N, C-alpha and C. Protein backbone atom coordinates (compact mmCIF):
# COMPACT_ATOMS: atom_id res chain seq x y z
N MET A 1 57.40 -58.64 39.73
CA MET A 1 58.67 -57.93 39.72
C MET A 1 59.47 -58.32 40.94
N THR A 2 60.77 -58.38 40.79
CA THR A 2 61.63 -58.75 41.90
C THR A 2 62.72 -57.71 42.06
N GLY A 3 63.46 -57.84 43.17
CA GLY A 3 64.56 -56.93 43.41
C GLY A 3 64.26 -55.95 44.52
N SER A 4 65.28 -55.15 44.85
CA SER A 4 65.16 -54.17 45.93
C SER A 4 64.31 -52.98 45.47
N PRO A 5 63.76 -52.24 46.43
CA PRO A 5 63.02 -51.03 46.06
C PRO A 5 63.91 -50.03 45.33
N ILE A 6 63.31 -49.28 44.44
CA ILE A 6 63.99 -48.17 43.76
C ILE A 6 63.92 -46.95 44.67
N VAL A 7 65.03 -46.24 44.80
CA VAL A 7 65.02 -44.99 45.56
C VAL A 7 64.56 -43.88 44.62
N LEU A 8 63.49 -43.21 44.97
CA LEU A 8 63.01 -42.05 44.23
C LEU A 8 63.49 -40.81 44.97
N ALA A 9 64.46 -40.11 44.39
CA ALA A 9 65.03 -38.93 45.03
C ALA A 9 64.21 -37.70 44.63
N SER A 10 62.96 -37.70 45.07
CA SER A 10 62.03 -36.63 44.73
C SER A 10 60.95 -36.56 45.81
N ALA A 11 60.53 -35.35 46.13
CA ALA A 11 59.45 -35.16 47.09
C ALA A 11 58.08 -35.18 46.42
N SER A 12 58.05 -35.32 45.10
CA SER A 12 56.79 -35.24 44.36
C SER A 12 55.88 -36.44 44.64
N PRO A 13 54.71 -36.18 45.21
CA PRO A 13 53.78 -37.30 45.43
C PRO A 13 53.29 -37.91 44.12
N ARG A 14 53.23 -37.09 43.05
CA ARG A 14 52.79 -37.64 41.76
C ARG A 14 53.80 -38.65 41.22
N ARG A 15 55.07 -38.37 41.35
CA ARG A 15 56.08 -39.32 40.87
C ARG A 15 56.01 -40.63 41.66
N ARG A 16 55.85 -40.50 42.96
CA ARG A 16 55.72 -41.72 43.78
C ARG A 16 54.50 -42.52 43.36
N GLU A 17 53.37 -41.83 43.15
CA GLU A 17 52.13 -42.51 42.76
C GLU A 17 52.26 -43.20 41.40
N ILE A 18 52.95 -42.56 40.46
CA ILE A 18 53.12 -43.16 39.13
C ILE A 18 53.94 -44.45 39.25
N LEU A 19 55.05 -44.40 39.98
CA LEU A 19 55.88 -45.59 40.14
C LEU A 19 55.13 -46.69 40.90
N SER A 20 54.45 -46.32 41.97
CA SER A 20 53.68 -47.30 42.74
C SER A 20 52.56 -47.90 41.89
N GLY A 21 51.93 -47.06 41.08
CA GLY A 21 50.87 -47.54 40.19
C GLY A 21 51.37 -48.52 39.15
N LEU A 22 52.65 -48.43 38.82
CA LEU A 22 53.27 -49.38 37.89
C LEU A 22 53.65 -50.69 38.59
N GLY A 23 53.44 -50.73 39.91
CA GLY A 23 53.80 -51.91 40.66
C GLY A 23 55.26 -51.94 41.07
N ILE A 24 55.92 -50.79 41.02
CA ILE A 24 57.34 -50.70 41.36
C ILE A 24 57.48 -50.29 42.83
N SER A 25 58.23 -51.07 43.58
CA SER A 25 58.47 -50.77 44.99
C SER A 25 59.40 -49.56 45.08
N VAL A 26 58.99 -48.57 45.88
CA VAL A 26 59.70 -47.28 45.93
C VAL A 26 60.00 -46.89 47.36
N VAL A 27 61.20 -46.36 47.57
CA VAL A 27 61.57 -45.68 48.80
C VAL A 27 61.83 -44.23 48.43
N VAL A 28 61.17 -43.30 49.11
CA VAL A 28 61.31 -41.87 48.78
C VAL A 28 62.39 -41.24 49.65
N ARG A 29 63.41 -40.68 49.01
CA ARG A 29 64.47 -39.95 49.70
C ARG A 29 64.76 -38.68 48.90
N PRO A 30 64.01 -37.61 49.16
CA PRO A 30 64.19 -36.37 48.37
C PRO A 30 65.60 -35.82 48.48
N THR A 31 66.04 -35.21 47.40
CA THR A 31 67.33 -34.51 47.39
C THR A 31 67.06 -33.06 47.01
N HIS A 32 67.90 -32.18 47.51
CA HIS A 32 67.70 -30.74 47.24
C HIS A 32 68.89 -30.21 46.45
N THR A 33 68.58 -29.53 45.35
CA THR A 33 69.63 -28.98 44.49
C THR A 33 69.34 -27.52 44.19
N ASP A 34 70.37 -26.79 43.86
CA ASP A 34 70.25 -25.38 43.49
C ASP A 34 70.20 -25.27 41.97
N GLU A 35 68.99 -25.34 41.42
CA GLU A 35 68.84 -25.27 39.96
C GLU A 35 69.22 -23.90 39.41
N GLU A 36 69.11 -22.88 40.25
CA GLU A 36 69.41 -21.52 39.80
C GLU A 36 70.88 -21.38 39.42
N ALA A 37 71.72 -22.24 39.97
CA ALA A 37 73.16 -22.14 39.70
C ALA A 37 73.49 -22.63 38.29
N LEU A 38 72.56 -23.29 37.63
CA LEU A 38 72.80 -23.81 36.28
C LEU A 38 72.44 -22.75 35.25
N ASP A 39 73.43 -22.25 34.56
CA ASP A 39 73.20 -21.21 33.55
C ASP A 39 73.22 -21.87 32.17
N ILE A 40 72.09 -22.47 31.81
CA ILE A 40 71.98 -23.21 30.55
C ILE A 40 70.78 -22.68 29.79
N GLU A 41 71.00 -22.15 28.60
CA GLU A 41 69.93 -21.56 27.80
C GLU A 41 68.98 -22.60 27.22
N ASP A 42 69.54 -23.66 26.64
CA ASP A 42 68.74 -24.67 25.95
C ASP A 42 67.88 -25.43 26.96
N ASP A 43 66.56 -25.50 26.71
CA ASP A 43 65.63 -26.10 27.67
C ASP A 43 65.91 -27.58 27.89
N GLU A 44 66.16 -28.32 26.83
CA GLU A 44 66.40 -29.76 26.98
C GLU A 44 67.69 -30.02 27.74
N ARG A 45 68.74 -29.29 27.41
CA ARG A 45 70.00 -29.45 28.13
C ARG A 45 69.85 -29.05 29.60
N PHE A 46 69.03 -28.04 29.86
CA PHE A 46 68.81 -27.59 31.23
C PHE A 46 68.13 -28.68 32.07
N VAL A 47 67.02 -29.23 31.56
CA VAL A 47 66.28 -30.21 32.34
C VAL A 47 67.11 -31.48 32.54
N GLU A 48 67.91 -31.83 31.55
CA GLU A 48 68.81 -32.99 31.70
C GLU A 48 69.88 -32.71 32.75
N ALA A 49 70.42 -31.49 32.74
CA ALA A 49 71.46 -31.13 33.72
C ALA A 49 70.91 -31.16 35.15
N VAL A 50 69.66 -30.71 35.33
CA VAL A 50 69.07 -30.73 36.67
C VAL A 50 68.85 -32.16 37.15
N ALA A 51 68.33 -33.03 36.28
CA ALA A 51 68.13 -34.44 36.66
C ALA A 51 69.46 -35.09 37.03
N ARG A 52 70.50 -34.77 36.26
CA ARG A 52 71.84 -35.34 36.55
C ARG A 52 72.40 -34.79 37.86
N LEU A 53 72.21 -33.50 38.11
CA LEU A 53 72.69 -32.90 39.35
C LEU A 53 71.99 -33.52 40.55
N LYS A 54 70.68 -33.72 40.44
CA LYS A 54 69.94 -34.37 41.52
C LYS A 54 70.46 -35.78 41.76
N LEU A 55 70.78 -36.49 40.68
CA LEU A 55 71.29 -37.85 40.81
C LEU A 55 72.64 -37.86 41.53
N ARG A 56 73.52 -36.94 41.16
CA ARG A 56 74.83 -36.88 41.83
C ARG A 56 74.67 -36.64 43.33
N HIS A 57 73.77 -35.73 43.69
CA HIS A 57 73.53 -35.44 45.11
C HIS A 57 72.94 -36.66 45.82
N ALA A 58 72.00 -37.33 45.16
CA ALA A 58 71.35 -38.50 45.78
C ALA A 58 72.34 -39.64 45.98
N LEU A 59 73.22 -39.85 45.00
CA LEU A 59 74.19 -40.94 45.10
C LEU A 59 75.26 -40.67 46.16
N ALA A 60 75.42 -39.42 46.55
CA ALA A 60 76.38 -39.06 47.60
C ALA A 60 75.81 -39.31 49.00
N ASP A 61 74.52 -39.64 49.08
CA ASP A 61 73.84 -39.88 50.35
C ASP A 61 74.07 -41.33 50.78
N ASP A 62 74.58 -41.52 51.98
CA ASP A 62 74.84 -42.88 52.48
C ASP A 62 73.58 -43.75 52.49
N LEU A 63 72.42 -43.12 52.61
CA LEU A 63 71.16 -43.88 52.68
C LEU A 63 70.81 -44.55 51.35
N THR A 64 71.45 -44.15 50.25
CA THR A 64 71.15 -44.76 48.95
C THR A 64 72.18 -45.81 48.56
N ARG A 65 73.12 -46.10 49.46
CA ARG A 65 74.23 -47.01 49.14
C ARG A 65 73.73 -48.36 48.62
N GLY A 66 74.22 -48.73 47.43
CA GLY A 66 73.90 -50.03 46.85
C GLY A 66 72.55 -50.11 46.17
N GLN A 67 71.77 -49.04 46.23
CA GLN A 67 70.42 -49.07 45.65
C GLN A 67 70.37 -48.31 44.34
N TRP A 68 69.42 -48.70 43.50
CA TRP A 68 69.14 -47.95 42.28
C TRP A 68 68.41 -46.67 42.65
N VAL A 69 68.82 -45.56 42.04
CA VAL A 69 68.24 -44.25 42.34
C VAL A 69 67.70 -43.63 41.06
N VAL A 70 66.48 -43.11 41.15
CA VAL A 70 65.84 -42.39 40.06
C VAL A 70 65.64 -40.93 40.48
N THR A 71 66.04 -40.00 39.61
CA THR A 71 65.75 -38.59 39.81
C THR A 71 65.05 -38.05 38.56
N ALA A 72 64.36 -36.94 38.72
CA ALA A 72 63.66 -36.36 37.57
C ALA A 72 63.53 -34.86 37.76
N ASP A 73 63.39 -34.19 36.63
CA ASP A 73 63.07 -32.76 36.66
C ASP A 73 62.11 -32.47 35.52
N THR A 74 61.15 -31.60 35.79
CA THR A 74 60.13 -31.22 34.79
C THR A 74 60.07 -29.71 34.67
N ILE A 75 60.03 -29.24 33.43
CA ILE A 75 59.80 -27.81 33.18
C ILE A 75 58.72 -27.66 32.11
N VAL A 76 58.07 -26.52 32.15
CA VAL A 76 57.08 -26.16 31.14
C VAL A 76 57.68 -25.04 30.31
N CYS A 77 57.62 -25.18 28.99
CA CYS A 77 58.24 -24.21 28.09
C CYS A 77 57.18 -23.63 27.17
N VAL A 78 57.09 -22.30 27.14
CA VAL A 78 56.10 -21.64 26.29
C VAL A 78 56.69 -20.33 25.77
N ALA A 79 56.61 -20.15 24.48
CA ALA A 79 57.02 -18.90 23.83
C ALA A 79 58.40 -18.44 24.29
N GLY A 80 59.36 -19.36 24.36
CA GLY A 80 60.71 -19.02 24.75
C GLY A 80 60.91 -18.81 26.23
N GLU A 81 59.89 -19.07 27.02
CA GLU A 81 59.97 -18.88 28.46
C GLU A 81 59.94 -20.24 29.15
N ARG A 82 60.72 -20.38 30.21
CA ARG A 82 60.79 -21.62 30.98
C ARG A 82 60.05 -21.41 32.30
N LEU A 83 59.02 -22.22 32.53
CA LEU A 83 58.23 -22.07 33.75
C LEU A 83 58.52 -23.21 34.71
N GLY A 84 58.94 -22.86 35.91
CA GLY A 84 59.11 -23.86 36.96
C GLY A 84 57.92 -23.81 37.89
N LYS A 85 58.16 -23.99 39.18
CA LYS A 85 57.07 -23.93 40.17
C LYS A 85 56.88 -22.49 40.61
N PRO A 86 55.64 -22.04 40.71
CA PRO A 86 55.42 -20.64 41.12
C PRO A 86 55.74 -20.43 42.59
N ALA A 87 56.24 -19.24 42.89
CA ALA A 87 56.60 -18.90 44.27
C ALA A 87 55.38 -18.49 45.09
N ASP A 88 54.37 -17.94 44.40
CA ASP A 88 53.19 -17.45 45.12
C ASP A 88 52.00 -17.39 44.15
N ALA A 89 50.85 -16.94 44.65
CA ALA A 89 49.62 -16.91 43.85
C ALA A 89 49.75 -15.96 42.66
N ASP A 90 50.42 -14.83 42.83
CA ASP A 90 50.58 -13.89 41.73
C ASP A 90 51.39 -14.51 40.59
N GLU A 91 52.46 -15.20 40.96
CA GLU A 91 53.28 -15.84 39.93
C GLU A 91 52.51 -16.99 39.26
N ALA A 92 51.74 -17.72 40.04
CA ALA A 92 50.92 -18.80 39.47
C ALA A 92 49.93 -18.24 38.46
N LEU A 93 49.27 -17.15 38.81
CA LEU A 93 48.31 -16.52 37.90
C LEU A 93 49.00 -16.05 36.63
N ALA A 94 50.16 -15.43 36.76
CA ALA A 94 50.90 -14.95 35.59
C ALA A 94 51.26 -16.12 34.67
N MET A 95 51.68 -17.25 35.25
CA MET A 95 52.01 -18.41 34.43
C MET A 95 50.79 -18.93 33.68
N LEU A 96 49.67 -19.03 34.38
CA LEU A 96 48.46 -19.54 33.74
C LEU A 96 47.96 -18.60 32.64
N LYS A 97 48.11 -17.30 32.84
CA LYS A 97 47.76 -16.34 31.79
C LYS A 97 48.62 -16.57 30.55
N THR A 98 49.90 -16.87 30.77
CA THR A 98 50.81 -17.14 29.65
C THR A 98 50.39 -18.40 28.90
N LEU A 99 49.89 -19.40 29.61
CA LEU A 99 49.53 -20.68 28.99
C LEU A 99 48.16 -20.65 28.31
N ALA A 100 47.27 -19.80 28.79
CA ALA A 100 45.89 -19.80 28.30
C ALA A 100 45.82 -19.49 26.81
N GLY A 101 45.06 -20.31 26.07
CA GLY A 101 44.80 -20.07 24.66
C GLY A 101 45.93 -20.46 23.73
N ARG A 102 46.91 -21.21 24.21
CA ARG A 102 48.04 -21.58 23.36
C ARG A 102 48.56 -22.95 23.75
N ASP A 103 49.56 -23.40 23.03
CA ASP A 103 50.19 -24.68 23.35
C ASP A 103 51.52 -24.44 24.05
N HIS A 104 51.95 -25.46 24.79
CA HIS A 104 53.24 -25.40 25.46
C HIS A 104 53.84 -26.80 25.51
N LEU A 105 55.12 -26.87 25.85
CA LEU A 105 55.83 -28.14 25.94
C LEU A 105 56.14 -28.45 27.40
N VAL A 106 55.90 -29.69 27.78
CA VAL A 106 56.30 -30.19 29.10
C VAL A 106 57.49 -31.12 28.88
N ARG A 107 58.63 -30.75 29.45
CA ARG A 107 59.85 -31.54 29.31
C ARG A 107 60.21 -32.16 30.64
N THR A 108 60.43 -33.47 30.64
CA THR A 108 60.90 -34.16 31.83
C THR A 108 62.12 -34.99 31.48
N SER A 109 63.17 -34.87 32.28
CA SER A 109 64.32 -35.74 32.18
C SER A 109 64.35 -36.64 33.41
N VAL A 110 64.62 -37.92 33.16
CA VAL A 110 64.71 -38.92 34.22
C VAL A 110 66.10 -39.53 34.17
N ALA A 111 66.80 -39.52 35.30
CA ALA A 111 68.14 -40.09 35.38
C ALA A 111 68.12 -41.30 36.31
N LEU A 112 68.90 -42.31 35.95
CA LEU A 112 69.01 -43.53 36.74
C LEU A 112 70.48 -43.79 37.05
N GLY A 113 70.77 -44.17 38.29
CA GLY A 113 72.13 -44.48 38.65
C GLY A 113 72.22 -45.32 39.90
N ARG A 114 73.46 -45.71 40.23
CA ARG A 114 73.72 -46.49 41.43
C ARG A 114 75.13 -46.16 41.91
N GLU A 115 75.30 -46.18 43.22
CA GLU A 115 76.61 -45.89 43.80
C GLU A 115 77.66 -46.82 43.19
N GLY A 116 78.79 -46.24 42.84
CA GLY A 116 79.87 -47.01 42.24
C GLY A 116 79.79 -47.04 40.72
N GLU A 117 78.60 -46.82 40.19
CA GLU A 117 78.41 -46.80 38.74
C GLU A 117 78.08 -45.40 38.24
N GLY A 118 77.60 -44.55 39.13
CA GLY A 118 77.17 -43.22 38.72
C GLY A 118 75.92 -43.30 37.85
N GLU A 119 75.79 -42.34 36.97
CA GLU A 119 74.64 -42.33 36.05
C GLU A 119 74.80 -43.43 35.01
N VAL A 120 73.75 -44.24 34.86
CA VAL A 120 73.80 -45.31 33.84
C VAL A 120 72.84 -45.04 32.69
N GLY A 121 71.86 -44.18 32.91
CA GLY A 121 70.90 -43.91 31.84
C GLY A 121 70.13 -42.63 32.07
N LEU A 122 69.65 -42.06 30.98
CA LEU A 122 68.88 -40.81 31.03
C LEU A 122 67.84 -40.84 29.92
N ARG A 123 66.64 -40.43 30.23
CA ARG A 123 65.59 -40.30 29.22
C ARG A 123 64.99 -38.90 29.34
N THR A 124 64.75 -38.26 28.20
CA THR A 124 64.05 -36.98 28.19
C THR A 124 62.83 -37.11 27.29
N VAL A 125 61.70 -36.72 27.83
CA VAL A 125 60.42 -36.87 27.12
C VAL A 125 59.77 -35.49 27.00
N VAL A 126 59.21 -35.22 25.83
CA VAL A 126 58.54 -33.94 25.57
C VAL A 126 57.09 -34.21 25.18
N THR A 127 56.18 -33.53 25.84
CA THR A 127 54.75 -33.64 25.55
C THR A 127 54.22 -32.24 25.24
N ARG A 128 53.39 -32.15 24.19
CA ARG A 128 52.78 -30.86 23.85
C ARG A 128 51.35 -30.82 24.40
N VAL A 129 51.02 -29.72 25.05
CA VAL A 129 49.71 -29.55 25.67
C VAL A 129 49.09 -28.26 25.16
N TRP A 130 47.81 -28.33 24.81
CA TRP A 130 47.06 -27.15 24.35
C TRP A 130 46.05 -26.76 25.41
N PHE A 131 46.11 -25.49 25.86
CA PHE A 131 45.11 -24.94 26.78
C PHE A 131 44.07 -24.15 26.00
N ARG A 132 42.83 -24.23 26.43
CA ARG A 132 41.81 -23.35 25.86
C ARG A 132 42.01 -21.94 26.42
N GLN A 133 41.42 -20.97 25.74
CA GLN A 133 41.44 -19.62 26.28
C GLN A 133 40.57 -19.60 27.53
N ALA A 134 41.00 -18.91 28.56
CA ALA A 134 40.22 -18.87 29.80
C ALA A 134 40.26 -17.46 30.36
N PRO A 135 39.11 -16.96 30.84
CA PRO A 135 39.10 -15.61 31.42
C PRO A 135 39.87 -15.58 32.75
N GLU A 136 40.32 -14.40 33.10
CA GLU A 136 41.15 -14.26 34.29
C GLU A 136 40.45 -14.73 35.55
N ASP A 137 39.12 -14.52 35.65
CA ASP A 137 38.44 -14.95 36.87
C ASP A 137 38.49 -16.47 37.05
N GLU A 138 38.43 -17.22 35.94
CA GLU A 138 38.58 -18.68 36.03
C GLU A 138 39.98 -19.05 36.51
N LEU A 139 40.98 -18.38 35.96
CA LEU A 139 42.36 -18.66 36.34
C LEU A 139 42.58 -18.35 37.82
N ARG A 140 42.01 -17.25 38.29
CA ARG A 140 42.14 -16.88 39.70
C ARG A 140 41.48 -17.92 40.61
N ARG A 141 40.30 -18.39 40.20
CA ARG A 141 39.61 -19.40 41.01
C ARG A 141 40.42 -20.70 41.04
N TYR A 142 41.05 -21.03 39.91
CA TYR A 142 41.88 -22.23 39.90
C TYR A 142 43.06 -22.08 40.86
N VAL A 143 43.73 -20.94 40.81
CA VAL A 143 44.87 -20.70 41.72
C VAL A 143 44.41 -20.81 43.17
N ALA A 144 43.21 -20.31 43.46
CA ALA A 144 42.68 -20.35 44.83
C ALA A 144 42.44 -21.78 45.32
N LEU A 145 42.33 -22.74 44.41
CA LEU A 145 42.17 -24.14 44.82
C LEU A 145 43.43 -24.69 45.48
N GLY A 146 44.57 -24.07 45.20
CA GLY A 146 45.83 -24.49 45.81
C GLY A 146 46.60 -25.55 45.04
N GLU A 147 46.14 -25.92 43.86
CA GLU A 147 46.81 -26.96 43.07
C GLU A 147 48.11 -26.48 42.42
N SER A 148 48.28 -25.18 42.31
CA SER A 148 49.36 -24.62 41.50
C SER A 148 50.75 -24.72 42.12
N PHE A 149 50.83 -24.77 43.43
CA PHE A 149 52.06 -24.33 44.10
C PHE A 149 53.23 -25.30 44.10
N ASP A 150 53.04 -26.54 43.82
CA ASP A 150 54.20 -27.44 43.77
C ASP A 150 54.34 -28.07 42.40
N LYS A 151 53.88 -27.34 41.37
CA LYS A 151 53.86 -27.92 40.03
C LYS A 151 54.47 -26.95 39.01
N ALA A 152 55.31 -27.49 38.13
CA ALA A 152 55.87 -26.69 37.04
C ALA A 152 54.73 -26.17 36.17
N GLY A 153 54.78 -24.89 35.85
CA GLY A 153 53.74 -24.29 35.03
C GLY A 153 52.49 -23.93 35.79
N ALA A 154 52.46 -24.19 37.09
CA ALA A 154 51.36 -23.79 37.99
C ALA A 154 50.06 -24.55 37.75
N TYR A 155 50.14 -25.76 37.21
CA TYR A 155 48.90 -26.54 37.06
C TYR A 155 49.18 -28.02 37.18
N GLY A 156 48.13 -28.75 37.61
CA GLY A 156 48.18 -30.20 37.67
C GLY A 156 47.16 -30.76 36.71
N VAL A 157 47.62 -31.39 35.63
CA VAL A 157 46.73 -31.88 34.58
C VAL A 157 45.76 -32.93 35.10
N GLN A 158 46.14 -33.62 36.19
CA GLN A 158 45.30 -34.68 36.73
C GLN A 158 44.21 -34.13 37.65
N GLY A 159 44.23 -32.82 37.89
CA GLY A 159 43.25 -32.21 38.79
C GLY A 159 42.28 -31.33 38.02
N ALA A 160 41.86 -30.26 38.69
CA ALA A 160 40.87 -29.35 38.09
C ALA A 160 41.36 -28.70 36.81
N ALA A 161 42.68 -28.57 36.65
CA ALA A 161 43.25 -27.95 35.45
C ALA A 161 42.95 -28.74 34.19
N SER A 162 42.49 -29.98 34.32
CA SER A 162 42.09 -30.73 33.13
C SER A 162 41.00 -29.99 32.37
N GLY A 163 40.28 -29.11 33.07
CA GLY A 163 39.25 -28.31 32.42
C GLY A 163 39.80 -27.23 31.50
N PHE A 164 41.10 -26.99 31.56
CA PHE A 164 41.74 -26.05 30.64
C PHE A 164 42.32 -26.76 29.41
N VAL A 165 42.54 -28.06 29.52
CA VAL A 165 43.31 -28.79 28.51
C VAL A 165 42.43 -29.25 27.35
N ARG A 166 42.70 -28.74 26.15
CA ARG A 166 41.96 -29.16 24.96
C ARG A 166 42.54 -30.43 24.35
N ARG A 167 43.87 -30.55 24.41
CA ARG A 167 44.51 -31.65 23.70
C ARG A 167 45.90 -31.90 24.28
N ILE A 168 46.31 -33.17 24.23
CA ILE A 168 47.67 -33.54 24.63
C ILE A 168 48.26 -34.41 23.53
N GLU A 169 49.48 -34.09 23.14
CA GLU A 169 50.20 -34.89 22.14
C GLU A 169 51.45 -35.45 22.82
N GLY A 170 51.45 -36.77 23.06
CA GLY A 170 52.57 -37.41 23.74
C GLY A 170 52.14 -38.03 25.04
N SER A 171 53.09 -38.22 25.94
CA SER A 171 52.86 -38.94 27.20
C SER A 171 52.06 -38.10 28.19
N TYR A 172 50.88 -38.62 28.58
CA TYR A 172 50.08 -37.95 29.60
C TYR A 172 50.79 -38.00 30.95
N SER A 173 51.36 -39.16 31.30
CA SER A 173 52.00 -39.28 32.62
C SER A 173 53.21 -38.34 32.74
N ASN A 174 53.81 -38.00 31.61
CA ASN A 174 54.89 -37.02 31.63
C ASN A 174 54.39 -35.67 32.14
N VAL A 175 53.19 -35.29 31.74
CA VAL A 175 52.62 -34.01 32.18
C VAL A 175 52.28 -34.08 33.67
N VAL A 176 51.90 -35.26 34.15
CA VAL A 176 51.63 -35.44 35.58
C VAL A 176 52.93 -35.33 36.38
N GLY A 177 54.06 -35.81 35.80
CA GLY A 177 55.32 -35.67 36.51
C GLY A 177 56.39 -36.69 36.21
N LEU A 178 56.03 -37.80 35.50
CA LEU A 178 57.01 -38.83 35.21
C LEU A 178 56.52 -39.66 34.03
N PRO A 179 57.30 -39.75 32.94
CA PRO A 179 56.86 -40.52 31.77
C PRO A 179 56.95 -42.02 32.04
N ALA A 180 55.82 -42.66 32.29
CA ALA A 180 55.78 -44.03 32.80
C ALA A 180 56.47 -45.03 31.87
N ALA A 181 56.13 -45.04 30.59
CA ALA A 181 56.68 -46.04 29.67
C ALA A 181 58.19 -45.92 29.58
N GLU A 182 58.69 -44.70 29.49
CA GLU A 182 60.12 -44.49 29.36
C GLU A 182 60.87 -44.88 30.63
N VAL A 183 60.24 -44.67 31.79
CA VAL A 183 60.87 -45.07 33.05
C VAL A 183 60.96 -46.59 33.13
N VAL A 184 59.90 -47.28 32.75
CA VAL A 184 59.94 -48.76 32.75
C VAL A 184 61.04 -49.25 31.83
N GLU A 185 61.13 -48.67 30.62
CA GLU A 185 62.20 -49.05 29.68
C GLU A 185 63.58 -48.83 30.29
N LEU A 186 63.77 -47.69 30.92
CA LEU A 186 65.06 -47.33 31.52
C LEU A 186 65.44 -48.33 32.61
N LEU A 187 64.49 -48.66 33.48
CA LEU A 187 64.77 -49.58 34.59
C LEU A 187 65.06 -50.99 34.09
N LEU A 188 64.31 -51.44 33.08
CA LEU A 188 64.53 -52.78 32.53
C LEU A 188 65.87 -52.87 31.80
N GLU A 189 66.16 -51.83 31.02
CA GLU A 189 67.38 -51.81 30.20
C GLU A 189 68.64 -51.97 31.04
N HIS A 190 68.63 -51.39 32.24
CA HIS A 190 69.83 -51.38 33.07
C HIS A 190 69.78 -52.36 34.24
N GLY A 191 68.73 -53.17 34.27
CA GLY A 191 68.65 -54.20 35.30
C GLY A 191 68.17 -53.74 36.65
N ALA A 192 67.66 -52.49 36.73
CA ALA A 192 67.08 -52.02 37.98
C ALA A 192 65.78 -52.76 38.29
N LEU A 193 65.12 -53.23 37.24
CA LEU A 193 63.99 -54.17 37.35
C LEU A 193 64.39 -55.43 36.61
N GLU A 194 64.13 -56.57 37.21
CA GLU A 194 64.43 -57.82 36.52
C GLU A 194 63.36 -58.13 35.47
N ARG A 195 62.13 -57.77 35.81
CA ARG A 195 61.03 -57.96 34.86
C ARG A 195 59.90 -57.00 35.21
N TRP A 196 59.00 -56.83 34.24
CA TRP A 196 57.82 -55.99 34.46
C TRP A 196 56.71 -56.49 33.57
N PRO A 197 55.48 -56.57 33.96
CA PRO A 197 54.96 -56.20 35.30
C PRO A 197 55.16 -57.34 36.30
């Protein structure tokens, strides 16, 4: 692969690891947005709006000038409820109780852009995940591991929470934090990558 590093406007170590694992050179420059200000009922439109908002903020940063920028947002949706990152252990436990014994959707939107061009592409990927039923003491012990706190839905599928997962339909890397195949397609389609791998 050739070209300049891609700017990943995210503090997520999982997103950085996924891109690096694909052999993509990455510079991490997190951006901070107020997602609460977005009053959007539809889950897909919401996650797309957040990814786009992050991209606009990232492109306004002088440090990203002339570089390709990738932003992403992930939410977990279950029974009409949208789960983001838990604020504390009690909220993490409540989220896991909601997920236990049922299926849920993990939605991630990825936006790509460059200064002077703005947003050039967007991909939204949905993965369905089934959790086994789990007693509260198991859920509490999982929360005590500390994996819950920076993850939508209060779990990391690549960690101990894999013991809750019965089945996944769709992109596994999407559940981790970034849909790898769709990101490669997006970067190639718009020339952010000249070739891959």
